[in-house]
């Protein structure tokens, strides 16, 4: 007794169907590769964006730090300048105070020379001693920038001189220093004491029409 097979014969696939199936599989493979490529590109773009942000942040930090360094340097320079000015002011103040003390001694020595009888031979040694002391003191003051203002016979200058009195003197132009009662002094070109002087004045105008 013959047994019939329950298996159905496989359906034959035509070449056209096989080609379509291969093309479809290829297209699917291409689509998958494209999707993968898009994902890779997206990740790379994200990485690029992150790197750009990191670079921008770093540049901003460097710029801020550079500004801070510049400001700090400027502040240090200002502190140095202020310190140098303070030292210079302190030095000038100390010199001015020192000069003021010494000028009193100079005035006293000059008055002593003016009042002493230079014709008296017995006082010759005293006079020489006073003169040498005055010369030495004056030289020391000049080393520190102290210079005398002695405007005898010079035009009156209110910035350097202090007029104590005025007097009419024939043959002398008005506003001329005719006597110096006390010398003035400058310290490094800056007046520390005006010269006390007597100044000539113009003769009164006579009215000849009367």
C-alpha atoms as a PDB file:
ATOM      1  CA  UNK A   1       0.000   0.000   0.000  1.00  0.00           C
ATOM      2  CA  UNK A   2       1.561   3.275  -1.094  1.00  0.00           C
ATOM      3  CA  UNK A   3       1.762   6.249   1.442  1.00  0.00           C
ATOM      4  CA  UNK A   4       1.188   9.712   0.043  1.00  0.00           C
ATOM      5  CA  UNK A   5       3.574  12.453   1.269  1.00  0.00           C
ATOM      6  CA  UNK A   6       1.976  15.246   3.373  1.00  0.00           C
ATOM      7  CA  UNK A   7       4.712  17.759   2.281  1.00  0.00           C
ATOM      8  CA  UNK A   8       3.700  20.258  -0.338  1.00  0.00           C
ATOM      9  CA  UNK A   9       6.149  20.891  -3.110  1.00  0.00           C
ATOM     10  CA  UNK A  10       8.065  24.214  -2.665  1.00  0.00           C
ATOM     11  CA  UNK A  11       6.942  27.018  -4.902  1.00  0.00           C
ATOM     12  CA  UNK A  12       9.475  27.944  -7.485  1.00  0.00           C
ATOM     13  CA  UNK A  13      11.011  31.517  -7.231  1.00  0.00           C
ATOM     14  CA  UNK A  14      11.456  33.313 -10.443  1.00  0.00           C
ATOM     15  CA  UNK A  15      14.687  35.227 -11.221  1.00  0.00           C
ATOM     16  CA  UNK A  16      12.788  38.510 -11.149  1.00  0.00           C
ATOM     17  CA  UNK A  17      11.528  37.823  -7.629  1.00  0.00           C
ATOM     18  CA  UNK A  18      15.014  36.874  -6.489  1.00  0.00           C
ATOM     19  CA  UNK A  19      16.428  40.069  -7.926  1.00  0.00           C
ATOM     20  CA  UNK A  20      13.749  42.148  -6.230  1.00  0.00           C
ATOM     21  CA  UNK A  21      14.481  40.461  -2.926  1.00  0.00           C
ATOM     22  CA  UNK A  22      18.222  41.137  -3.271  1.00  0.00           C
ATOM     23  CA  UNK A  23      17.549  44.764  -4.171  1.00  0.00           C
ATOM     24  CA  UNK A  24      15.219  45.136  -1.184  1.00  0.00           C
ATOM     25  CA  UNK A  25      17.808  43.637   1.164  1.00  0.00           C
ATOM     26  CA  UNK A  26      20.451  45.957  -0.254  1.00  0.00           C
ATOM     27  CA  UNK A  27      18.196  48.983   0.192  1.00  0.00           C
ATOM     28  CA  UNK A  28      17.494  47.961   3.781  1.00  0.00           C
ATOM     29  CA  UNK A  29      21.222  47.571   4.383  1.00  0.00           C
ATOM     30  CA  UNK A  30      21.872  51.020   2.886  1.00  0.00           C
ATOM     31  CA  UNK A  31      19.147  52.546   5.057  1.00  0.00           C
ATOM     32  CA  UNK A  32      20.680  50.973   8.154  1.00  0.00           C
ATOM     33  CA  UNK A  33      24.120  52.296   7.193  1.00  0.00           C
ATOM     34  CA  UNK A  34      22.646  55.749   6.558  1.00  0.00           C
ATOM     35  CA  UNK A  35      20.919  55.718   9.943  1.00  0.00           C
ATOM     36  CA  UNK A  36      24.169  54.634  11.584  1.00  0.00           C
ATOM     37  CA  UNK A  37      26.052  57.337   9.729  1.00  0.00           C
ATOM     38  CA  UNK A  38      23.508  59.935  10.890  1.00  0.00           C
ATOM     39  CA  UNK A  39      23.935  58.786  14.476  1.00  0.00           C
ATOM     40  CA  UNK A  40      27.734  58.998  14.161  1.00  0.00           C
ATOM     41  CA  UNK A  41      27.519  62.458  12.564  1.00  0.00           C
ATOM     42  CA  UNK A  42      25.113  63.588  15.293  1.00  0.00           C
ATOM     43  CA  UNK A  43      27.504  62.373  17.997  1.00  0.00           C
ATOM     44  CA  UNK A  44      30.419  64.059  16.260  1.00  0.00           C
ATOM     45  CA  UNK A  45      28.466  67.305  15.971  1.00  0.00           C
ATOM     46  CA  UNK A  46      27.604  67.155  19.658  1.00  0.00           C
ATOM     47  CA  UNK A  47      31.263  66.566  20.444  1.00  0.00           C
ATOM     48  CA  UNK A  48      32.246  69.499  18.211  1.00  0.00           C
ATOM     49  CA  UNK A  49      29.689  71.733  19.921  1.00  0.00           C
ATOM     50  CA  UNK A  50      30.980  70.678  23.339  1.00  0.00           C
ATOM     51  CA  UNK A  51      34.554  71.361  22.239  1.00  0.00           C
ATOM     52  CA  UNK A  52      33.540  74.801  20.882  1.00  0.00           C
ATOM     53  CA  UNK A  53      31.814  75.602  24.173  1.00  0.00           C
ATOM     54  CA  UNK A  54      34.856  74.410  26.125  1.00  0.00           C
ATOM     55  CA  UNK A  55      37.165  76.540  23.956  1.00  0.00           C
ATOM     56  CA  UNK A  56      34.917  79.595  24.343  1.00  0.00           C
ATOM     57  CA  UNK A  57      34.791  79.077  28.109  1.00  0.00           C
ATOM     58  CA  UNK A  58      38.568  78.682  28.233  1.00  0.00           C
ATOM     59  CA  UNK A  59      39.053  81.825  26.139  1.00  0.00           C
ATOM     60  CA  UNK A  60      36.687  83.765  28.399  1.00  0.00           C
ATOM     61  CA  UNK A  61      38.549  82.505  31.471  1.00  0.00           C
ATOM     62  CA  UNK A  62      41.899  83.439  29.957  1.00  0.00           C
ATOM     63  CA  UNK A  63      40.548  86.887  29.016  1.00  0.00           C
ATOM     64  CA  UNK A  64      39.197  87.430  32.538  1.00  0.00           C
ATOM     65  CA  UNK A  65      42.477  86.268  34.062  1.00  0.00           C
ATOM     66  CA  UNK A  66      44.402  88.523  31.675  1.00  0.00           C
ATOM     67  CA  UNK A  67      42.254  91.508  32.704  1.00  0.00           C
ATOM     68  CA  UNK A  68      42.775  90.603  36.355  1.00  0.00           C
ATOM     69  CA  UNK A  69      46.532  90.419  35.844  1.00  0.00           C
ATOM     70  CA  UNK A  70      46.536  93.779  34.026  1.00  0.00           C
ATOM     71  CA  UNK A  71      44.440  95.377  36.774  1.00  0.00           C
ATOM     72  CA  UNK A  72      46.657  93.860  39.458  1.00  0.00           C
ATOM     73  CA  UNK A  73      49.785  95.133  37.701  1.00  0.00           C
ATOM     74  CA  UNK A  74      48.269  98.606  37.340  1.00  0.00           C
ATOM     75  CA  UNK A  75      47.353  98.602  41.024  1.00  0.00           C
ATOM     76  CA  UNK A  76      50.875  97.536  41.987  1.00  0.00           C
ATOM     77  CA  UNK A  77      52.299 100.301  39.792  1.00  0.00           C
ATOM     78  CA  UNK A  78      49.968 102.824  41.446  1.00  0.00           C
ATOM     79  CA  UNK A  79      51.008 101.636  44.890  1.00  0.00           C
ATOM     80  CA  UNK A  80      54.666 101.953  43.921  1.00  0.00           C
ATOM     81  CA  UNK A  81      54.109 105.466  42.555  1.00  0.00           C
ATOM     82  CA  UNK A  82      52.196 106.520  45.681  1.00  0.00           C
ATOM     83  CA  UNK A  83      54.910 105.049  47.887  1.00  0.00           C
ATOM     84  CA  UNK A  84      57.614 106.839  45.891  1.00  0.00           C
ATOM     85  CA  UNK A  85      55.663 110.124  46.173  1.00  0.00           C
ATOM     86  CA  UNK A  86      55.198 109.612  49.902  1.00  0.00           C
ATOM     87  CA  UNK A  87      58.919 108.964  50.310  1.00  0.00           C
ATOM     88  CA  UNK A  88      59.733 112.032  48.212  1.00  0.00           C
ATOM     89  CA  UNK A  89      57.305 114.190  50.216  1.00  0.00           C
ATOM     90  CA  UNK A  90      58.748 112.885  53.471  1.00  0.00           C
ATOM     91  CA  UNK A  91      62.260 113.613  52.248  1.00  0.00           C
ATOM     92  CA  UNK A  92      61.324 117.130  51.119  1.00  0.00           C
ATOM     93  CA  UNK A  93      59.506 117.816  54.388  1.00  0.00           C
ATOM     94  CA  UNK A  94      62.503 116.630  56.384  1.00  0.00           C
ATOM     95  CA  UNK A  95      64.829 118.801  54.280  1.00  0.00           C
ATOM     96  CA  UNK A  96      62.526 121.798  54.586  1.00  0.00           C
ATOM     97  CA  UNK A  97      62.393 121.436  58.360  1.00  0.00           C
ATOM     98  CA  UNK A  98      66.161 120.987  58.493  1.00  0.00           C
ATOM     99  CA  UNK A  99      66.704 124.019  56.242  1.00  0.00           C
ATOM    100  CA  UNK A 100      64.368 126.141  58.370  1.00  0.00           C
ATOM    101  CA  UNK A 101      66.395 125.353  61.463  1.00  0.00           C
ATOM    102  CA  UNK A 102      69.679 126.078  59.720  1.00  0.00           C
ATOM    103  CA  UNK A 103      68.447 129.339  58.179  1.00  0.00           C
ATOM    104  CA  UNK A 104      67.955 130.785  61.644  1.00  0.00           C
ATOM    105  CA  UNK A 105      71.619 130.118  62.340  1.00  0.00           C
ATOM    106  CA  UNK A 106      72.606 131.651  58.997  1.00  0.00           C
ATOM    107  CA  UNK A 107      70.586 134.797  59.808  1.00  0.00           C
ATOM    108  CA  UNK A 108      72.249 135.087  63.220  1.00  0.00           C
ATOM    109  CA  UNK A 109      75.738 134.729  61.745  1.00  0.00           C
ATOM    110  CA  UNK A 110      75.005 137.342  59.061  1.00  0.00           C
ATOM    111  CA  UNK A 111      73.641 139.761  61.667  1.00  0.00           C
ATOM    112  CA  UNK A 112      76.739 139.191  63.776  1.00  0.00           C
ATOM    113  CA  UNK A 113      78.985 140.086  60.840  1.00  0.00           C
ATOM    114  CA  UNK A 114      76.937 143.216  60.134  1.00  0.00           C
ATOM    115  CA  UNK A 115      77.022 144.429  63.713  1.00  0.00           C
ATOM    116  CA  UNK A 116      80.649 143.681  64.558  1.00  0.00           C
ATOM    117  CA  UNK A 117      83.300 146.394  64.122  1.00  0.00           C
ATOM    118  CA  UNK A 118      85.472 145.134  61.290  1.00  0.00           C
ATOM    119  CA  UNK A 119      88.019 147.932  61.867  1.00  0.00           C
ATOM    120  CA  UNK A 120      88.804 146.595  65.312  1.00  0.00           C
ATOM    121  CA  UNK A 121      91.966 144.474  64.907  1.00  0.00           C
ATOM    122  CA  UNK A 122      91.272 142.679  68.175  1.00  0.00           C
ATOM    123  CA  UNK A 123      88.103 141.174  66.638  1.00  0.00           C
ATOM    124  CA  UNK A 124      89.752 140.017  63.432  1.00  0.00           C
ATOM    125  CA  UNK A 125      89.972 136.388  64.601  1.00  0.00           C
ATOM    126  CA  UNK A 126      86.335 136.402  65.663  1.00  0.00           C
ATOM    127  CA  UNK A 127      85.274 137.820  62.306  1.00  0.00           C
ATOM    128  CA  UNK A 128      87.258 135.171  60.400  1.00  0.00           C
ATOM    129  CA  UNK A 129      85.755 132.424  62.539  1.00  0.00           C
ATOM    130  CA  UNK A 130      82.224 133.667  61.921  1.00  0.00           C
ATOM    131  CA  UNK A 131      82.886 134.007  58.188  1.00  0.00           C
ATOM    132  CA  UNK A 132      84.318 130.469  57.936  1.00  0.00           C
ATOM    133  CA  UNK A 133      81.378 129.058  59.896  1.00  0.00           C
ATOM    134  CA  UNK A 134      78.907 130.915  57.672  1.00  0.00           C
ATOM    135  CA  UNK A 135      80.654 129.752  54.502  1.00  0.00           C
ATOM    136  CA  UNK A 136      80.689 126.133  55.655  1.00  0.00           C
ATOM    137  CA  UNK A 137      77.040 126.222  56.669  1.00  0.00           C
ATOM    138  CA  UNK A 138      76.016 127.874  53.394  1.00  0.00           C
ATOM    139  CA  UNK A 139      77.969 125.279  51.379  1.00  0.00           C
ATOM    140  CA  UNK A 140      76.286 122.447  53.298  1.00  0.00           C
ATOM    141  CA  UNK A 141      72.851 123.929  52.629  1.00  0.00           C
ATOM    142  CA  UNK A 142      73.634 124.263  48.915  1.00  0.00           C
ATOM    143  CA  UNK A 143      74.505 120.547  48.788  1.00  0.00           C
ATOM    144  CA  UNK A 144      70.936 119.837  49.904  1.00  0.00           C
ATOM    145  CA  UNK A 145      69.472 122.174  47.256  1.00  0.00           C
ATOM    146  CA  UNK A 146      68.996 125.217  49.498  1.00  0.00           C
ATOM    147  CA  UNK A 147      69.720 128.407  47.562  1.00  0.00           C
ATOM    148  CA  UNK A 148      69.589 132.004  48.769  1.00  0.00           C
ATOM    149  CA  UNK A 149      67.304 134.589  47.157  1.00  0.00           C
ATOM    150  CA  UNK A 150      69.137 137.941  47.373  1.00  0.00           C
ATOM    151  CA  UNK A 151      67.300 140.350  45.032  1.00  0.00           C
ATOM    152  CA  UNK A 152      69.287 143.522  45.723  1.00  0.00           C
ATOM    153  CA  UNK A 153      68.776 146.037  42.858  1.00  0.00           C
ATOM    154  CA  UNK A 154      66.508 143.594  41.031  1.00  0.00           C
ATOM    155  CA  UNK A 155      62.871 144.164  39.985  1.00  0.00           C
ATOM    156  CA  UNK A 156      60.399 143.317  42.715  1.00  0.00           C
ATOM    157  CA  UNK A 157      58.860 139.840  42.248  1.00  0.00           C
ATOM    158  CA  UNK A 158      55.858 139.146  44.515  1.00  0.00           C
ATOM    159  CA  UNK A 159      56.322 135.408  43.996  1.00  0.00           C
ATOM    160  CA  UNK A 160      59.778 135.526  45.594  1.00  0.00           C
ATOM    161  CA  UNK A 161      59.842 138.752  47.603  1.00  0.00           C
ATOM    162  CA  UNK A 162      57.837 140.220  50.446  1.00  0.00           C
ATOM    163  CA  UNK A 163      57.728 144.029  50.448  1.00  0.00           C
ATOM    164  CA  UNK A 164      58.119 145.388  53.986  1.00  0.00           C
ATOM    165  CA  UNK A 165      58.077 149.052  52.948  1.00  0.00           C
ATOM    166  CA  UNK A 166      58.248 151.359  49.944  1.00  0.00           C
ATOM    167  CA  UNK A 167      60.372 154.445  49.504  1.00  0.00           C
ATOM    168  CA  UNK A 168      60.875 157.015  46.800  1.00  0.00           C
ATOM    169  CA  UNK A 169      64.487 157.009  45.584  1.00  0.00           C
ATOM    170  CA  UNK A 170      65.610 159.539  42.948  1.00  0.00           C
ATOM    171  CA  UNK A 171      67.197 157.919  39.907  1.00  0.00           C
ATOM    172  CA  UNK A 172      65.859 154.438  40.742  1.00  0.00           C
ATOM    173  CA  UNK A 173      63.092 152.875  38.682  1.00  0.00           C
ATOM    174  CA  UNK A 174      59.859 152.109  40.552  1.00  0.00           C
ATOM    175  CA  UNK A 175      59.381 148.579  41.912  1.00  0.00           C
ATOM    176  CA  UNK A 176      63.107 147.997  42.337  1.00  0.00           C
ATOM    177  CA  UNK A 177      64.460 146.258  45.429  1.00  0.00           C
ATOM    178  CA  UNK A 178      66.576 148.917  47.155  1.00  0.00           C
ATOM    179  CA  UNK A 179      67.337 146.996  50.352  1.00  0.00           C
ATOM    180  CA  UNK A 180      67.206 143.353  51.505  1.00  0.00           C
ATOM    181  CA  UNK A 181      66.355 143.124  55.168  1.00  0.00           C
ATOM    182  CA  UNK A 182      66.339 139.327  55.174  1.00  0.00           C
ATOM    183  CA  UNK A 183      67.334 136.946  52.377  1.00  0.00           C
ATOM    184  CA  UNK A 184      64.857 134.503  51.012  1.00  0.00           C
ATOM    185  CA  UNK A 185      65.595 130.851  50.285  1.00  0.00           C
ATOM    186  CA  UNK A 186      64.542 128.169  47.819  1.00  0.00           C
ATOM    187  CA  UNK A 187      64.685 124.410  48.318  1.00  0.00           C
ATOM    188  CA  UNK A 188      65.209 122.546  45.051  1.00  0.00           C
ATOM    189  CA  UNK A 189      63.615 125.431  43.159  1.00  0.00           C
ATOM    190  CA  UNK A 190      60.639 125.763  45.542  1.00  0.00           C
ATOM    191  CA  UNK A 191      60.367 128.880  47.690  1.00  0.00           C
ATOM    192  CA  UNK A 192      60.526 128.095  51.411  1.00  0.00           C
ATOM    193  CA  UNK A 193      61.000 131.670  52.613  1.00  0.00           C
ATOM    194  CA  UNK A 194      60.435 134.936  50.712  1.00  0.00           C
ATOM    195  CA  UNK A 195      63.038 137.681  50.829  1.00  0.00           C
ATOM    196  CA  UNK A 196      61.963 140.605  52.985  1.00  0.00           C
ATOM    197  CA  UNK A 197      62.748 143.748  51.022  1.00  0.00           C
ATOM    198  CA  UNK A 198      62.309 147.469  50.697  1.00  0.00           C
ATOM    199  CA  UNK A 199      60.977 148.587  47.306  1.00  0.00           C
ATOM    200  CA  UNK A 200      61.281 151.864  45.449  1.00  0.00           C
ATOM    201  CA  UNK A 201      58.172 153.710  44.454  1.00  0.00           C
ATOM    202  CA  UNK A 202      57.394 156.245  41.780  1.00  0.00           C
ATOM    203  CA  UNK A 203      57.575 159.954  42.609  1.00  0.00           C
ATOM    204  CA  UNK A 204      54.205 161.638  42.999  1.00  0.00           C
ATOM    205  CA  UNK A 205      52.864 163.334  39.893  1.00  0.00           C
ATOM    206  CA  UNK A 206      52.979 167.116  40.212  1.00  0.00           C
ATOM    207  CA  UNK A 207      49.984 168.928  38.795  1.00  0.00           C
ATOM    208  CA  UNK A 208      51.428 171.831  36.742  1.00  0.00           C
ATOM    209  CA  UNK A 209      48.088 173.026  35.460  1.00  0.00           C
ATOM    210  CA  UNK A 210      47.164 174.731  38.721  1.00  0.00           C
END
